[in-house]
């Protein structure tokens, strides 16, 4: 079963994924909590971009293969 949070984040969760999640005892409340947490994280990221929030860790230079 694909990750339900990934499907919710992409806006492509369907009845098949919901039935699969419920089959392994995921409740509707837990599905709603995942959707709510994803929405909160997305909005937090947008506000951080808007506010130009400093990161709390140092920037890392990507390693390139030579």
Protein backbone atom coordinates (compact mmCIF):
# COMPACT_ATOMS: atom_id res chain seq x y z
CA UNK A 1 0.00 0.00 0.00
CA UNK A 2 1.42 3.42 -0.92
CA UNK A 3 1.97 5.83 1.92
CA UNK A 4 -1.42 7.49 2.63
CA UNK A 5 0.24 10.76 3.70
CA UNK A 6 2.01 10.93 0.33
CA UNK A 7 -1.30 10.39 -1.48
CA UNK A 8 -3.03 13.03 0.65
CA UNK A 9 -0.22 15.54 0.07
CA UNK A 10 -0.50 15.03 -3.68
CA UNK A 11 -4.29 15.33 -3.57
CA UNK A 12 -4.74 11.89 -5.09
CA UNK A 13 -6.10 9.77 -2.28
CA UNK A 14 -8.93 7.61 -3.45
CA UNK A 15 -11.35 5.11 -2.06
CA UNK A 16 -8.87 2.31 -2.76
CA UNK A 17 -6.21 3.87 -0.51
CA UNK A 18 -8.77 4.69 2.15
CA UNK A 19 -10.07 1.12 2.17
CA UNK A 20 -6.51 -0.25 2.35
CA UNK A 21 -5.71 2.04 5.30
CA UNK A 22 -8.91 1.08 7.10
CA UNK A 23 -8.12 -2.61 6.50
CA UNK A 24 -5.04 -2.22 8.71
CA UNK A 25 -7.09 -0.47 11.41
CA UNK A 26 -6.31 3.16 10.52
CA UNK A 27 -9.26 5.18 11.78
CA UNK A 28 -10.98 8.07 10.04
CA UNK A 29 -9.74 10.30 12.86
CA UNK A 30 -6.14 9.26 12.16
CA UNK A 31 -6.59 9.93 8.44
CA UNK A 32 -8.01 13.36 9.26
CA UNK A 33 -5.08 14.01 11.62
CA UNK A 34 -2.60 13.20 8.84
CA UNK A 35 -4.39 15.59 6.48
CA UNK A 36 -4.46 18.32 9.14
CA UNK A 37 -0.76 17.92 9.96
CA UNK A 38 0.17 18.05 6.28
CA UNK A 39 -1.85 21.24 5.83
CA UNK A 40 -0.24 22.82 8.89
CA UNK A 41 3.27 21.93 7.69
CA UNK A 42 2.61 23.32 4.23
CA UNK A 43 1.29 26.61 5.64
CA UNK A 44 4.24 26.81 8.04
CA UNK A 45 6.64 26.40 5.14
CA UNK A 46 4.88 29.14 3.15
CA UNK A 47 5.07 31.55 6.10
CA UNK A 48 8.75 30.74 6.63
CA UNK A 49 9.45 31.53 2.99
CA UNK A 50 7.44 34.75 3.23
CA UNK A 51 9.19 35.82 6.44
CA UNK A 52 12.61 34.75 5.13
CA UNK A 53 13.16 32.77 8.31
CA UNK A 54 16.75 31.86 9.10
CA UNK A 55 17.50 28.18 9.20
CA UNK A 56 18.63 26.59 12.44
CA UNK A 57 21.36 24.53 10.82
CA UNK A 58 24.33 25.42 8.65
CA UNK A 59 24.09 25.24 4.88
CA UNK A 60 25.85 22.28 3.34
CA UNK A 61 27.61 22.34 0.00
CA UNK A 62 26.39 19.38 -2.06
CA UNK A 63 29.02 16.76 -2.80
CA UNK A 64 29.67 16.33 -6.50
CA UNK A 65 31.20 13.24 -8.05
CA UNK A 66 34.31 14.13 -10.03
